[in-house]
């Protein structure tokens, strides 16, 4: 082992950590596995099965100075910060071993397994469950070792992301790349998605993924072993399910994602004002339905809750839905008509709850033709879409 003086500076330790994000380390005394990464110039440790911990720069410098003077490798000798000391000492030991070309404290990385056909089908099923409520489906005709996710409601069949099971970085059985702006379902949700994806991936011990998607540098990427990949998409499915309360959506273990403010400078795509009248009408109908929910008549009306901060938030969200749908019905793709400018009342824009038993919430709404809303009634969105496809055939 090098002499006692071979202690890294903070800068050297940070550089070593940045180059070792996909390496699994072990603490010196108890052999606990952990990963390390650098964010905003500070060290973060991620013990296996736990949330990440930040190691303050001042504490790191103090430990390095004390280690230089005492050569003590016992975490208990660093009173007041034994948690970080366990991981910092292991990282320093790995740095020293790296300098002398011996990496005994660093276990070899797990090799990538080749997925079986059953595993591939299980992965496809998990991804389908995670994206179907965003009106997305998988396409298997464009990738040899994986599949793409596309938005079915977009006229141009918009590409949302990709999942790969071969030609990955070492240690990854599955890799994914997603454009979270396209996966988002409401104004401002992309920020929540980004934070949830990043924290959840770290909790599941993700590794770096290859840049399979060309120049799309802004996409979220991560790599997992097979079991963690299924876990990741299972968690995602819970958050994209309309039955999940908006207050319980995109929660991560280190706290809920900040709630985004409505985009105040958003403007509806058309300037004629015809959509504005329809927005007013849909807002009035939604509020009326909520006010009448739970009333006893011949039958008991279903309980419905208005889950928007205010009328402006509602109007902005529905206007965004119309823009995404390019003023077309979310189910039939027919051009919508609007109050004050229509010649077919049955094609007037009508607000539909994807889950008929759910609330008037951002993740549970779509705009359809009036006749579609009436025909769908209490049917499930998935089954009604299936029936529409049968009629088309």
Protein backbone atom coordinates (compact mmCIF):
# COMPACT_ATOMS: atom_id res chain seq x y z
CA UNK A 1 0.00 0.00 0.00
CA UNK A 2 1.28 3.55 -0.69
CA UNK A 3 2.68 5.58 2.18
CA UNK A 4 0.42 7.40 4.61
CA UNK A 5 0.77 10.65 2.65
CA UNK A 6 -1.03 9.16 -0.37
CA UNK A 7 -4.37 10.82 0.46
CA UNK A 8 -6.37 12.40 -2.39
CA UNK A 9 -7.37 16.01 -2.50
CA UNK A 10 -11.06 16.82 -2.69
CA UNK A 11 -10.74 17.52 -6.42
CA UNK A 12 -9.02 14.18 -7.04
CA UNK A 13 -11.68 12.33 -5.06
CA UNK A 14 -14.47 14.06 -7.01
CA UNK A 15 -12.84 13.16 -10.33
CA UNK A 16 -12.45 9.55 -9.21
CA UNK A 17 -16.11 9.44 -8.12
CA UNK A 18 -17.33 10.87 -11.45
CA UNK A 19 -15.37 8.20 -13.31
CA UNK A 20 -16.77 5.44 -11.07
CA UNK A 21 -20.52 6.07 -11.04
CA UNK A 22 -21.26 2.63 -12.47
CA UNK A 23 -18.92 0.82 -10.05
CA UNK A 24 -20.18 -0.91 -6.91
CA UNK A 25 -18.04 -0.29 -3.82
CA UNK A 26 -18.06 -1.90 -0.37
CA UNK A 27 -17.48 -0.37 3.06
CA UNK A 28 -14.30 -1.55 4.75
CA UNK A 29 -15.73 -2.83 8.04
CA UNK A 30 -19.21 -4.22 7.32
CA UNK A 31 -18.91 -4.82 3.57
CA UNK A 32 -22.06 -2.80 2.70
CA UNK A 33 -22.49 -2.20 -1.03
CA UNK A 34 -22.89 1.34 -2.33
CA UNK A 35 -22.50 3.58 -5.37
CA UNK A 36 -21.17 7.11 -5.56
CA UNK A 37 -21.92 10.04 -7.83
CA UNK A 38 -21.25 13.78 -8.00
CA UNK A 39 -23.92 16.45 -8.27
CA UNK A 40 -23.34 20.21 -8.17
CA UNK A 41 -19.74 19.65 -7.03
CA UNK A 42 -20.67 17.49 -4.02
CA UNK A 43 -20.35 13.80 -3.28
CA UNK A 44 -23.46 11.63 -2.94
CA UNK A 45 -23.47 8.07 -1.65
CA UNK A 46 -26.23 5.62 -2.52
CA UNK A 47 -26.21 2.54 -0.23
CA UNK A 48 -27.93 -0.48 -1.73
CA UNK A 49 -31.65 -0.40 -1.01
CA UNK A 50 -31.52 3.08 0.55
CA UNK A 51 -31.95 6.64 -0.61
CA UNK A 52 -28.94 8.75 -1.53
CA UNK A 53 -26.99 10.70 1.10
CA UNK A 54 -25.08 13.93 0.50
CA UNK A 55 -21.63 14.35 2.02
CA UNK A 56 -20.98 18.03 2.66
CA UNK A 57 -17.77 19.40 1.20
CA UNK A 58 -16.58 20.70 4.57
CA UNK A 59 -17.04 17.26 6.14
CA UNK A 60 -15.13 15.59 3.30
CA UNK A 61 -12.21 18.00 3.72
CA UNK A 62 -12.21 17.48 7.50
CA UNK A 63 -12.08 13.70 7.10
CA UNK A 64 -9.28 13.88 4.51
CA UNK A 65 -7.22 16.13 6.82
CA UNK A 66 -7.77 13.85 9.82
CA UNK A 67 -7.00 10.75 7.76
CA UNK A 68 -3.77 12.41 6.63
CA UNK A 69 -2.70 13.02 10.21
CA UNK A 70 -3.94 9.83 11.92
CA UNK A 71 -4.04 7.18 9.18
CA UNK A 72 -7.13 5.77 10.94
CA UNK A 73 -9.41 3.64 8.77
CA UNK A 74 -12.00 3.06 11.51
CA UNK A 75 -15.27 5.02 10.96
CA UNK A 76 -15.78 5.19 14.73
CA UNK A 77 -12.71 7.42 15.04
CA UNK A 78 -14.56 10.10 13.10
CA UNK A 79 -17.16 10.95 15.74
CA UNK A 80 -20.24 12.85 14.64
CA UNK A 81 -20.14 11.70 11.04
CA UNK A 82 -19.63 7.94 11.13
CA UNK A 83 -22.20 7.33 8.36
CA UNK A 84 -20.33 9.37 5.76
CA UNK A 85 -16.99 8.24 7.18
CA UNK A 86 -17.78 4.60 6.34
CA UNK A 87 -18.33 5.43 2.70
CA UNK A 88 -15.65 8.11 2.37
CA UNK A 89 -12.98 5.82 3.79
CA UNK A 90 -13.96 3.06 1.38
CA UNK A 91 -13.86 5.52 -1.52
CA UNK A 92 -10.42 6.79 -0.51
CA UNK A 93 -9.17 3.21 -0.17
CA UNK A 94 -10.48 2.46 -3.67
CA UNK A 95 -8.71 5.58 -4.98
CA UNK A 96 -5.45 4.42 -3.40
CA UNK A 97 -5.89 0.93 -4.83
CA UNK A 98 -6.61 2.40 -8.23
CA UNK A 99 -3.38 4.36 -8.07
CA UNK A 100 -1.43 1.12 -7.46
CA UNK A 101 -3.40 -0.90 -10.05
CA UNK A 102 -5.05 -3.11 -7.42
CA UNK A 103 -8.80 -2.87 -7.05
CA UNK A 104 -9.54 -5.36 -4.29
CA UNK A 105 -12.09 -3.13 -2.52
CA UNK A 106 -14.07 -2.82 -5.79
CA UNK A 107 -16.02 -5.95 -6.75
CA UNK A 108 -16.25 -6.85 -10.41
CA UNK A 109 -19.31 -5.53 -12.21
CA UNK A 110 -22.17 -7.87 -12.86
CA UNK A 111 -22.19 -9.17 -16.40
CA UNK A 112 -25.14 -8.54 -18.68
CA UNK A 113 -27.53 -11.43 -19.14
CA UNK A 114 -29.25 -12.23 -22.42
CA UNK A 115 -33.00 -11.99 -21.94
CA UNK A 116 -35.07 -15.05 -22.68
CA UNK A 117 -38.21 -14.79 -24.81
CA UNK A 118 -40.35 -15.04 -21.67
CA UNK A 119 -38.43 -12.18 -20.09
CA UNK A 120 -38.83 -10.06 -23.20
CA UNK A 121 -42.60 -10.62 -23.13
CA UNK A 122 -42.71 -9.78 -19.42
CA UNK A 123 -40.81 -6.55 -20.13
CA UNK A 124 -43.18 -5.61 -22.95
CA UNK A 125 -46.18 -6.24 -20.70
CA UNK A 126 -44.69 -4.06 -17.95
CA UNK A 127 -44.04 -1.19 -20.36
CA UNK A 128 -47.53 -1.48 -21.89
CA UNK A 129 -49.06 -1.18 -18.42
CA UNK A 130 -46.91 1.86 -17.67
CA UNK A 131 -47.80 3.85 -20.82
CA UNK A 132 -51.27 2.72 -21.90
CA UNK A 133 -53.05 5.40 -19.86
CA UNK A 134 -51.00 7.99 -21.76
CA UNK A 135 -52.56 6.58 -24.93
CA UNK A 136 -49.22 5.06 -25.89
CA UNK A 137 -48.37 1.68 -27.36
CA UNK A 138 -45.18 -0.18 -28.24
CA UNK A 139 -43.83 -0.73 -31.75
CA UNK A 140 -41.64 -3.75 -32.41
CA UNK A 141 -40.91 -3.17 -36.10
CA UNK A 142 -38.14 -0.58 -35.77
CA UNK A 143 -35.58 -2.10 -33.39
CA UNK A 144 -33.83 -5.45 -33.57
CA UNK A 145 -33.03 -5.67 -29.86
CA UNK A 146 -35.92 -3.80 -28.27
CA UNK A 147 -38.99 -1.73 -29.06
CA UNK A 148 -40.17 1.85 -29.27
CA UNK A 149 -43.04 3.59 -27.47
CA UNK A 150 -45.31 5.80 -29.55
CA UNK A 151 -48.27 8.05 -28.79
CA UNK A 152 -51.28 6.61 -30.64
CA UNK A 153 -53.40 9.76 -30.49
CA UNK A 154 -50.86 12.00 -32.19
CA UNK A 155 -51.46 12.34 -35.92
CA UNK A 156 -47.79 11.73 -36.67
CA UNK A 157 -47.52 8.76 -34.29
CA UNK A 158 -45.11 10.65 -32.04
CA UNK A 159 -42.06 8.77 -30.74
CA UNK A 160 -42.00 8.82 -26.90
CA UNK A 161 -39.13 6.51 -26.02
CA UNK A 162 -37.27 3.23 -26.51
CA UNK A 163 -36.42 0.14 -24.45
CA UNK A 164 -33.42 -2.06 -25.30
CA UNK A 165 -32.29 -5.49 -24.12
CA UNK A 166 -29.04 -5.92 -26.02
CA UNK A 167 -25.97 -3.93 -27.05
CA UNK A 168 -26.05 -2.18 -23.67
CA UNK A 169 -23.35 -0.89 -21.35
CA UNK A 170 -21.78 -3.63 -19.16
CA UNK A 171 -23.98 -4.59 -16.22
CA UNK A 172 -27.25 -3.51 -17.85
CA UNK A 173 -29.78 -6.15 -18.89
CA UNK A 174 -32.25 -3.45 -19.96
CA UNK A 175 -31.79 0.18 -20.95
CA UNK A 176 -34.38 2.85 -21.59
CA UNK A 177 -34.47 6.28 -23.20
CA UNK A 178 -37.55 8.53 -22.86
CA UNK A 179 -38.53 12.05 -23.82
CA UNK A 180 -40.33 13.04 -20.61
CA UNK A 181 -41.77 16.19 -22.20
CA UNK A 182 -43.71 14.01 -24.62
CA UNK A 183 -44.70 11.51 -21.94
CA UNK A 184 -46.11 14.26 -19.70
CA UNK A 185 -49.89 14.51 -19.61
CA UNK A 186 -50.42 18.02 -18.29
CA UNK A 187 -48.80 21.44 -18.19
CA UNK A 188 -45.72 21.41 -15.99
CA UNK A 189 -45.79 17.65 -15.40
CA UNK A 190 -42.49 17.12 -17.24
CA UNK A 191 -40.65 18.56 -14.22
CA UNK A 192 -42.38 16.10 -11.90
CA UNK A 193 -41.66 13.22 -14.28
CA UNK A 194 -37.99 14.16 -14.54
CA UNK A 195 -37.49 14.25 -10.79
CA UNK A 196 -39.43 11.01 -10.26
CA UNK A 197 -37.48 9.20 -13.01
CA UNK A 198 -34.12 10.38 -11.67
CA UNK A 199 -34.76 9.55 -8.00
CA UNK A 200 -36.46 6.21 -8.72
CA UNK A 201 -33.64 5.15 -11.05
CA UNK A 202 -31.06 5.93 -8.36
CA UNK A 203 -33.05 4.02 -5.75
CA UNK A 204 -33.03 0.97 -8.03
CA UNK A 205 -29.26 1.09 -8.49
CA UNK A 206 -29.40 2.17 -12.13
CA UNK A 207 -26.29 2.53 -14.28
CA UNK A 208 -25.38 4.70 -17.22
CA UNK A 209 -27.00 3.77 -20.51
CA UNK A 210 -25.65 4.04 -24.02
CA UNK A 211 -26.86 6.90 -26.19
CA UNK A 212 -29.07 4.75 -28.41
CA UNK A 213 -31.17 7.71 -29.53
CA UNK A 214 -28.77 9.70 -31.64
CA UNK A 215 -28.77 13.41 -30.95
CA UNK A 216 -31.61 13.40 -28.42
CA UNK A 217 -29.38 14.48 -25.55
CA UNK A 218 -32.27 15.84 -23.47
CA UNK A 219 -33.86 12.40 -23.11
CA UNK A 220 -33.79 10.55 -19.79
CA UNK A 221 -31.64 7.41 -19.93
CA UNK A 222 -30.92 4.64 -17.44
CA UNK A 223 -29.84 1.00 -17.33
CA UNK A 224 -31.04 -1.75 -14.97
CA UNK A 225 -30.79 -5.43 -14.31
CA UNK A 226 -33.90 -7.30 -15.45
CA UNK A 227 -35.68 -7.43 -12.07
CA UNK A 228 -35.12 -3.72 -11.39
CA UNK A 229 -36.36 -2.82 -14.87
CA UNK A 230 -39.65 -4.58 -14.16
CA UNK A 231 -39.84 -2.84 -10.78
CA UNK A 232 -39.21 0.55 -12.42
CA UNK A 233 -42.03 0.16 -14.95
CA UNK A 234 -44.35 -1.26 -12.28
CA UNK A 235 -43.85 1.90 -10.22
CA UNK A 236 -44.37 4.02 -13.32
CA UNK A 237 -47.66 2.21 -14.08
CA UNK A 238 -48.98 3.12 -10.64
CA UNK A 239 -48.27 6.80 -11.25
CA UNK A 240 -49.77 6.91 -14.74
CA UNK A 241 -52.94 5.05 -13.71
CA UNK A 242 -55.90 7.48 -13.60
CA UNK A 243 -57.15 5.67 -10.49
CA UNK A 244 -54.15 6.98 -8.54
CA UNK A 245 -55.06 10.14 -6.65
CA UNK A 246 -53.36 13.26 -7.95
CA UNK A 247 -52.05 13.87 -4.42
CA UNK A 248 -50.36 10.46 -4.43
CA UNK A 249 -48.80 10.78 -7.87
CA UNK A 250 -45.03 11.16 -8.49
CA UNK A 251 -44.12 10.74 -4.82
CA UNK A 252 -40.54 9.67 -4.16
CA UNK A 253 -39.01 8.48 -0.88
CA UNK A 254 -37.13 11.70 -0.20
CA UNK A 255 -40.31 13.77 -0.51
CA UNK A 256 -42.99 14.71 -3.07
CA UNK A 257 -42.06 16.46 -6.27
CA UNK A 258 -42.88 20.17 -6.17
CA UNK A 259 -46.27 20.91 -7.63
CA UNK A 260 -45.85 22.87 -10.86
CA UNK A 261 -47.53 26.18 -11.32
CA UNK A 262 -49.78 26.60 -14.38
CA UNK A 263 -47.98 28.10 -17.33
CA UNK A 264 -49.47 31.57 -17.29
CA UNK A 265 -48.18 32.56 -20.70
CA UNK A 266 -49.67 29.54 -22.47
CA UNK A 267 -52.01 30.48 -25.30
CA UNK A 268 -54.56 28.22 -27.01
CA UNK A 269 -53.56 27.39 -30.60
CA UNK A 270 -56.37 29.32 -32.30
CA UNK A 271 -57.06 33.03 -31.98
CA UNK A 272 -60.67 32.97 -33.22
CA UNK A 273 -62.18 32.58 -29.75
CA UNK A 274 -64.29 29.58 -30.74
CA UNK A 275 -62.24 27.27 -28.47
CA UNK A 276 -62.66 29.78 -25.63
CA UNK A 277 -66.44 29.40 -25.75
CA UNK A 278 -66.11 25.62 -25.68
CA UNK A 279 -63.66 25.85 -22.77
CA UNK A 280 -66.23 27.91 -20.86
CA UNK A 281 -68.89 25.33 -21.66
CA UNK A 282 -66.74 22.38 -20.59
CA UNK A 283 -65.77 24.17 -17.36
CA UNK A 284 -69.43 24.83 -16.54
CA UNK A 285 -70.41 21.22 -17.26
CA UNK A 286 -67.55 19.85 -15.14
CA UNK A 287 -68.47 22.05 -12.18
CA UNK A 288 -72.14 21.18 -12.53
CA UNK A 289 -71.32 17.46 -12.50
CA UNK A 290 -69.20 17.88 -9.38
CA UNK A 291 -71.89 19.90 -7.59
CA UNK A 292 -74.50 17.22 -8.35
CA UNK A 293 -72.27 14.29 -7.42
CA UNK A 294 -73.58 12.17 -4.60
CA UNK A 295 -77.12 13.53 -4.87
CA UNK A 296 -79.93 11.04 -4.37
CA UNK A 297 -82.43 10.94 -7.21
CA UNK A 298 -83.78 7.70 -8.72
CA UNK A 299 -80.20 6.52 -8.37
CA UNK A 300 -77.23 7.95 -6.51
CA UNK A 301 -75.00 10.10 -8.71
CA UNK A 302 -71.33 9.13 -8.74
CA UNK A 303 -69.04 11.24 -6.56
CA UNK A 304 -66.83 13.47 -8.70
CA UNK A 305 -64.27 15.99 -7.46
CA UNK A 306 -62.86 19.05 -9.26
CA UNK A 307 -59.09 18.57 -8.83
CA UNK A 308 -57.82 21.83 -10.36
CA UNK A 309 -56.41 24.76 -8.38
CA UNK A 310 -58.79 27.21 -10.04
CA UNK A 311 -60.70 27.92 -13.27
CA UNK A 312 -57.55 29.25 -14.97
CA UNK A 313 -55.67 26.04 -14.25
CA UNK A 314 -58.55 24.04 -15.75
CA UNK A 315 -58.78 26.18 -18.89
CA UNK A 316 -55.02 26.03 -19.46
CA UNK A 317 -54.98 22.25 -19.12
CA UNK A 318 -57.92 21.64 -21.47
CA UNK A 319 -56.49 24.12 -23.97
CA UNK A 320 -53.24 22.14 -23.85
CA UNK A 321 -55.18 18.92 -24.46
CA UNK A 322 -56.79 20.46 -27.53
CA UNK A 323 -53.39 21.60 -28.79
CA UNK A 324 -51.88 18.13 -28.34
CA UNK A 325 -54.85 16.52 -30.02
CA UNK A 326 -54.63 19.10 -32.83
CA UNK A 327 -58.34 19.89 -32.27
CA UNK A 328 -59.28 16.28 -33.00
CA UNK A 329 -61.25 13.75 -30.98
CA UNK A 330 -58.92 11.78 -28.69
CA UNK A 331 -60.67 8.49 -29.54
CA UNK A 332 -61.93 8.72 -33.13
CA UNK A 333 -59.48 11.33 -34.46
CA UNK A 334 -62.41 13.19 -36.07
CA UNK A 335 -62.03 17.00 -36.31
CA UNK A 336 -63.73 18.63 -33.34
CA UNK A 337 -66.24 21.44 -33.73
CA UNK A 338 -66.70 24.29 -31.28
CA UNK A 339 -69.47 26.36 -29.73
CA UNK A 340 -70.44 29.24 -32.02
CA UNK A 341 -68.86 27.70 -35.11
CA UNK A 342 -70.34 24.30 -35.86
CA UNK A 343 -72.59 22.55 -38.36
CA UNK A 344 -72.73 19.14 -36.66
CA UNK A 345 -73.75 19.23 -33.01
CA UNK A 346 -72.60 15.63 -32.47
CA UNK A 347 -68.98 16.61 -33.15
CA UNK A 348 -68.88 19.43 -30.61
CA UNK A 349 -65.92 19.22 -28.22
CA UNK A 350 -66.88 17.34 -25.07
CA UNK A 351 -64.79 16.73 -21.96
CA UNK A 352 -64.51 13.02 -21.08
CA UNK A 353 -63.13 11.40 -17.94
CA UNK A 354 -60.86 8.55 -19.04
CA UNK A 355 -61.87 6.63 -15.94
CA UNK A 356 -65.60 7.26 -15.58
CA UNK A 357 -65.37 6.60 -11.83
CA UNK A 358 -62.51 9.06 -11.38
CA UNK A 359 -62.34 12.77 -10.69
CA UNK A 360 -62.06 15.79 -12.95
CA UNK A 361 -58.28 15.65 -12.58
CA UNK A 362 -55.46 16.56 -15.01
CA UNK A 363 -54.44 12.97 -15.65
CA UNK A 364 -57.99 11.75 -16.15
CA UNK A 365 -59.28 13.97 -18.95
CA UNK A 366 -59.47 13.91 -22.74
CA UNK A 367 -61.54 15.87 -25.27
CA UNK A 368 -63.82 13.85 -27.54
CA UNK A 369 -66.79 14.39 -29.83
CA UNK A 370 -70.11 14.76 -28.03
CA UNK A 371 -71.52 11.56 -29.53
CA UNK A 372 -68.39 9.64 -28.45
CA UNK A 373 -68.85 10.79 -24.87
CA UNK A 374 -72.47 9.72 -24.94
CA UNK A 375 -71.74 6.34 -26.52
CA UNK A 376 -68.89 5.59 -24.14
CA UNK A 377 -71.02 6.36 -21.06
CA UNK A 378 -69.64 4.30 -18.13
CA UNK A 379 -67.63 1.90 -20.28
CA UNK A 380 -63.90 1.61 -19.66
CA UNK A 381 -61.73 3.68 -21.97
CA UNK A 382 -59.74 0.63 -23.07
CA UNK A 383 -62.80 -1.43 -23.97
CA UNK A 384 -64.53 1.43 -25.77
CA UNK A 385 -61.44 2.07 -27.90
CA UNK A 386 -61.39 -1.65 -28.73
CA UNK A 387 -65.00 -1.51 -29.87
CA UNK A 388 -64.33 1.57 -32.02
CA UNK A 389 -61.49 -0.29 -33.73
CA UNK A 390 -63.82 -3.23 -34.40
CA UNK A 391 -66.31 -0.91 -36.08
CA UNK A 392 -63.55 0.59 -38.20
CA UNK A 393 -62.52 -2.85 -39.39
